[in-house]
C-alpha atoms as a PDB file:
ATOM      1  CA  MET A   1      -0.023   0.101   0.121  1.00  0.00           C
ATOM      2  CA  SER A   2       1.334   3.596  -0.882  1.00  0.00           C
ATOM      3  CA  LYS A   3       0.866   6.547   1.642  1.00  0.00           C
ATOM      4  CA  LYS A   4      -0.423   9.552  -0.069  1.00  0.00           C
ATOM      5  CA  SER A   5       0.297  12.891   1.395  1.00  0.00           C
ATOM      6  CA  GLY A   6      -1.782  15.928   0.981  1.00  0.00           C
ATOM      7  CA  PHE A   7      -5.047  18.049   2.841  1.00  0.00           C
ATOM      8  CA  THR A   8      -8.347  16.501   2.585  1.00  0.00           C
ATOM      9  CA  LEU A   9     -11.019  19.090   1.236  1.00  0.00           C
ATOM     10  CA  PHE A  10     -12.273  19.521   4.740  1.00  0.00           C
ATOM     11  CA  GLU A  11      -8.841  20.669   6.357  1.00  0.00           C
ATOM     12  CA  ILE A  12      -8.567  23.242   3.480  1.00  0.00           C
ATOM     13  CA  ILE A  13     -12.129  24.568   4.002  1.00  0.00           C
ATOM     14  CA  ILE A  14     -11.367  24.583   7.744  1.00  0.00           C
ATOM     15  CA  THR A  15      -8.471  26.543   7.426  1.00  0.00           C
ATOM     16  CA  VAL A  16     -10.008  29.044   4.847  1.00  0.00           C
ATOM     17  CA  GLY A  17     -12.938  29.772   7.057  1.00  0.00           C
ATOM     18  CA  ILE A  18     -10.775  30.449   9.817  1.00  0.00           C
ATOM     19  CA  ILE A  19      -8.928  32.937   7.955  1.00  0.00           C
ATOM     20  CA  ALA A  20     -11.891  34.565   6.687  1.00  0.00           C
ATOM     21  CA  ILE A  21     -13.464  35.038  10.113  1.00  0.00           C
ATOM     22  CA  LEU A  22      -9.661  36.083  11.387  1.00  0.00           C
ATOM     23  CA  ALA A  23      -9.927  38.977   8.610  1.00  0.00           C
ATOM     24  CA  GLY A  24     -13.022  40.156   8.959  1.00  0.00           C
ATOM     25  CA  ALA A  25     -12.589  40.827  12.946  1.00  0.00           C
ATOM     26  CA  THR A  26      -9.289  42.500  11.928  1.00  0.00           C
ATOM     27  CA  ILE A  27     -10.956  44.494   9.328  1.00  0.00           C
ATOM     28  CA  MET A  28     -13.387  45.532  12.274  1.00  0.00           C
ATOM     29  CA  LEU A  29     -11.279  46.287  14.908  1.00  0.00           C
ATOM     30  CA  ILE A  30      -9.101  48.465  12.001  1.00  0.00           C
ATOM     31  CA  ASN A  31     -12.148  50.259  10.253  1.00  0.00           C
ATOM     32  CA  PRO A  32     -10.463  52.456   7.883  1.00  0.00           C
ATOM     33  CA  ALA A  33     -12.745  54.290   7.245  1.00  0.00           C
ATOM     34  CA  GLN A  34     -13.291  55.226  10.742  1.00  0.00           C
ATOM     35  CA  GLN A  35      -9.281  55.826  11.314  1.00  0.00           C
ATOM     36  CA  MET A  36      -9.804  58.095   7.578  1.00  0.00           C
ATOM     37  CA  ALA A  37     -12.411  60.617   9.593  1.00  0.00           C
ATOM     38  CA  ARG A  38     -10.285  60.865  12.803  1.00  0.00           C
ATOM     39  CA  ALA A  39      -7.101  61.517  10.358  1.00  0.00           C
ATOM     40  CA  ARG A  40      -9.302  64.599   9.041  1.00  0.00           C
ATOM     41  CA  ASN A  41     -10.771  65.371  12.375  1.00  0.00           C
ATOM     42  CA  VAL A  42      -7.595  65.655  13.816  1.00  0.00           C
ATOM     43  CA  GLN A  43      -6.436  68.177  10.487  1.00  0.00           C
ATOM     44  CA  ARG A  44      -9.403  70.490  10.881  1.00  0.00           C
ATOM     45  CA  GLN A  45      -8.455  71.023  14.510  1.00  0.00           C
ATOM     46  CA  SER A  46      -4.757  71.829  13.645  1.00  0.00           C
ATOM     47  CA  ASP A  47      -6.586  74.069  10.616  1.00  0.00           C
ATOM     48  CA  ILE A  48      -8.439  76.215  13.094  1.00  0.00           C
ATOM     49  CA  ASN A  49      -6.038  76.696  15.331  1.00  0.00           C
ATOM     50  CA  PHE A  50      -3.285  77.386  12.703  1.00  0.00           C
ATOM     51  CA  ILE A  51      -5.784  80.223  11.645  1.00  0.00           C
ATOM     52  CA  LEU A  52      -7.048  81.239  15.015  1.00  0.00           C
ATOM     53  CA  ASN A  53      -2.827  82.079  16.044  1.00  0.00           C
ATOM     54  CA  ALA A  54      -2.856  84.035  12.987  1.00  0.00           C
ATOM     55  CA  VAL A  55      -5.600  85.707  13.586  1.00  0.00           C
ATOM     56  CA  GLY A  56      -4.219  86.426  17.036  1.00  0.00           C
ATOM     57  CA  GLN A  57      -1.154  87.787  16.075  1.00  0.00           C
ATOM     58  CA  ASN A  58      -2.974  90.112  13.514  1.00  0.00           C
ATOM     59  CA  ILE A  59      -4.780  91.435  16.655  1.00  0.00           C
ATOM     60  CA  ALA A  60      -1.171  91.926  18.718  1.00  0.00           C
ATOM     61  CA  ASP A  61       0.080  93.557  15.879  1.00  0.00           C
ATOM     62  CA  ASN A  62      -2.422  95.860  15.585  1.00  0.00           C
ATOM     63  CA  ARG A  63      -2.942  96.427  19.368  1.00  0.00           C
ATOM     64  CA  GLY A  64      -6.133  94.490  20.080  1.00  0.00           C
ATOM     65  CA  THR A  65      -8.048  95.510  16.916  1.00  0.00           C
ATOM     66  CA  PHE A  66      -8.095  93.023  14.200  1.00  0.00           C
ATOM     67  CA  ASN A  67      -6.786  94.900  10.923  1.00  0.00           C
ATOM     68  CA  CYS A  68      -8.394  93.633   7.715  1.00  0.00           C
ATOM     69  CA  SER A  69      -9.702  95.508   4.569  1.00  0.00           C
ATOM     70  CA  SER A  70     -13.031  93.428   4.745  1.00  0.00           C
ATOM     71  CA  GLY A  71     -13.320  94.717   8.371  1.00  0.00           C
ATOM     72  CA  ALA A  72     -13.986  93.779  11.743  1.00  0.00           C
ATOM     73  CA  ILE A  73     -14.568  90.131  12.631  1.00  0.00           C
ATOM     74  CA  PRO A  74     -18.613  89.280  11.880  1.00  0.00           C
ATOM     75  CA  THR A  75     -20.250  88.898  15.263  1.00  0.00           C
ATOM     76  CA  SER A  76     -22.352  85.878  13.964  1.00  0.00           C
ATOM     77  CA  SER A  77     -20.656  82.838  12.311  1.00  0.00           C
ATOM     78  CA  THR A  78     -19.408  83.294   8.836  1.00  0.00           C
ATOM     79  CA  LYS A  79     -17.797  81.233   6.463  1.00  0.00           C
ATOM     80  CA  MET A  80     -14.083  82.362   5.885  1.00  0.00           C
ATOM     81  CA  ALA A  81     -14.305  82.423   2.089  1.00  0.00           C
ATOM     82  CA  THR A  82     -14.589  84.727  -1.149  1.00  0.00           C
ATOM     83  CA  GLY A  83     -17.368  86.314  -1.417  1.00  0.00           C
ATOM     84  CA  ALA A  84     -18.038  85.796   2.431  1.00  0.00           C
ATOM     85  CA  TYR A  85     -15.831  87.150   4.984  1.00  0.00           C
ATOM     86  CA  ASN A  86     -12.598  87.660   2.723  1.00  0.00           C
ATOM     87  CA  VAL A  87      -9.898  86.873   5.837  1.00  0.00           C
ATOM     88  CA  ALA A  88      -7.270  85.866   3.704  1.00  0.00           C
ATOM     89  CA  PRO A  89      -5.680  88.742   2.247  1.00  0.00           C
ATOM     90  CA  CYS A  90      -5.816  89.738   6.243  1.00  0.00           C
ATOM     91  CA  LEU A  91      -3.453  87.110   6.766  1.00  0.00           C
ATOM     92  CA  VAL A  92      -1.829  85.729   3.867  1.00  0.00           C
ATOM     93  CA  PRO A  93       1.063  86.056   3.277  1.00  0.00           C
ATOM     94  CA  ALA A  94       1.765  88.023   6.536  1.00  0.00           C
ATOM     95  CA  TYR A  95       0.827  85.464   9.092  1.00  0.00           C
ATOM     96  CA  LEU A  96       0.587  82.433   6.773  1.00  0.00           C
ATOM     97  CA  ASP A  97       1.988  81.311   3.308  1.00  0.00           C
ATOM     98  CA  LYS A  98      -1.542  80.175   2.630  1.00  0.00           C
ATOM     99  CA  LEU A  99      -4.665  79.268   4.062  1.00  0.00           C
ATOM    100  CA  PRO A 100      -6.067  75.898   5.223  1.00  0.00           C
ATOM    101  CA  PHE A 101      -9.237  74.296   4.239  1.00  0.00           C
ATOM    102  CA  ASP A 102     -11.493  71.823   5.664  1.00  0.00           C
ATOM    103  CA  PRO A 103      -9.959  68.211   3.948  1.00  0.00           C
ATOM    104  CA  LYS A 104     -13.398  66.688   3.040  1.00  0.00           C
ATOM    105  CA  ALA A 105     -15.967  70.104   2.744  1.00  0.00           C
ATOM    106  CA  THR A 106     -17.876  70.309  -0.039  1.00  0.00           C
ATOM    107  CA  GLY A 107     -16.080  73.545  -2.297  1.00  0.00           C
ATOM    108  CA  ALA A 108     -13.369  74.153  -0.001  1.00  0.00           C
ATOM    109  CA  HIS A 109      -9.989  74.824  -1.440  1.00  0.00           C
ATOM    110  CA  TYR A 110      -7.453  77.398  -1.625  1.00  0.00           C
ATOM    111  CA  ALA A 111      -5.667  78.584  -4.960  1.00  0.00           C
ATOM    112  CA  SER A 112      -5.268  82.531  -4.262  1.00  0.00           C
ATOM    113  CA  THR A 113      -6.356  84.971  -1.682  1.00  0.00           C
ATOM    114  CA  THR A 114      -8.965  85.742  -4.149  1.00  0.00           C
ATOM    115  CA  ASP A 115     -10.199  82.164  -4.473  1.00  0.00           C
ATOM    116  CA  TYR A 116     -10.862  80.224  -1.809  1.00  0.00           C
ATOM    117  CA  ASP A 117     -13.242  78.581   0.687  1.00  0.00           C
ATOM    118  CA  THR A 118     -12.091  77.317   3.759  1.00  0.00           C
ATOM    119  CA  GLY A 119     -14.738  75.587   4.700  1.00  0.00           C
ATOM    120  CA  TYR A 120     -14.534  77.176   8.424  1.00  0.00           C
ATOM    121  CA  PHE A 121     -16.412  79.560  10.114  1.00  0.00           C
ATOM    122  CA  ILE A 122     -15.253  82.763  12.135  1.00  0.00           C
ATOM    123  CA  SER A 123     -17.174  84.752  14.701  1.00  0.00           C
ATOM    124  CA  GLN A 124     -16.398  87.273  17.320  1.00  0.00           C
ATOM    125  CA  SER A 125     -18.235  87.567  20.519  1.00  0.00           C
ATOM    126  CA  THR A 126     -19.251  91.505  21.324  1.00  0.00           C
ATOM    127  CA  THR A 127     -19.576  91.176  25.336  1.00  0.00           C
ATOM    128  CA  THR A 128     -15.619  89.189  25.161  1.00  0.00           C
ATOM    129  CA  ASN A 129     -14.197  89.894  22.154  1.00  0.00           C
ATOM    130  CA  ARG A 130     -13.084  86.429  22.115  1.00  0.00           C
ATOM    131  CA  VAL A 131     -12.789  85.110  18.381  1.00  0.00           C
ATOM    132  CA  THR A 132     -14.270  81.422  17.617  1.00  0.00           C
ATOM    133  CA  ILE A 133     -13.667  79.444  14.574  1.00  0.00           C
ATOM    134  CA  ASN A 134     -15.319  76.361  14.177  1.00  0.00           C
ATOM    135  CA  ALA A 135     -15.163  73.169  11.471  1.00  0.00           C
ATOM    136  CA  PRO A 136     -19.161  72.318  11.004  1.00  0.00           C
ATOM    137  CA  SER A 137     -17.947  69.324   8.216  1.00  0.00           C
ATOM    138  CA  ALA A 138     -16.520  67.645  11.206  1.00  0.00           C
ATOM    139  CA  GLU A 139     -17.217  63.937  11.325  1.00  0.00           C
ATOM    140  CA  LEU A 140     -18.134  61.315  13.916  1.00  0.00           C
ATOM    141  CA  GLU A 141     -20.253  63.661  15.130  1.00  0.00           C
ATOM    142  CA  GLN A 142     -17.852  65.585  16.566  1.00  0.00           C
ATOM    143  CA  THR A 143     -17.832  69.505  17.355  1.00  0.00           C
ATOM    144  CA  ILE A 144     -14.503  71.383  16.389  1.00  0.00           C
ATOM    145  CA  SER A 145     -14.407  74.771  17.444  1.00  0.00           C
ATOM    146  CA  VAL A 146     -11.674  76.711  19.395  1.00  0.00           C
ATOM    147  CA  THR A 147     -12.467  80.231  20.938  1.00  0.00           C
ATOM    148  CA  ARG A 148      -9.723  82.563  22.321  1.00  0.00           C
END
């Protein structure tokens, strides 16, 4: 009698099944879509801090008032974009190389100080004079807003 070596069909099916279960569990744990959304939210947080630092520097350089050809910072939340509150000429290139924009907001882009849409909103409190910038397109049900 000759002895045959190899795997049976049953052994192969069990092995493939175990690999499929482990791969599915790994993908569920990693969840690439959620990881990408978290990364975009971190980018948004960084962007609004970056813009707020530039606004703060402008205010400091101008002895407590924001110096901008577009006028004072709006008291109600207003989009920083061409045709809305045009903040880019006040910050670029003196305080920023270019204006950051939301990584996924519809229409958000930066081409120049005359063609941009940050996707972020800015306002200044009339009572405390504190400036707030927020990212309304934040994902994972997060609220991203910074006030100084």
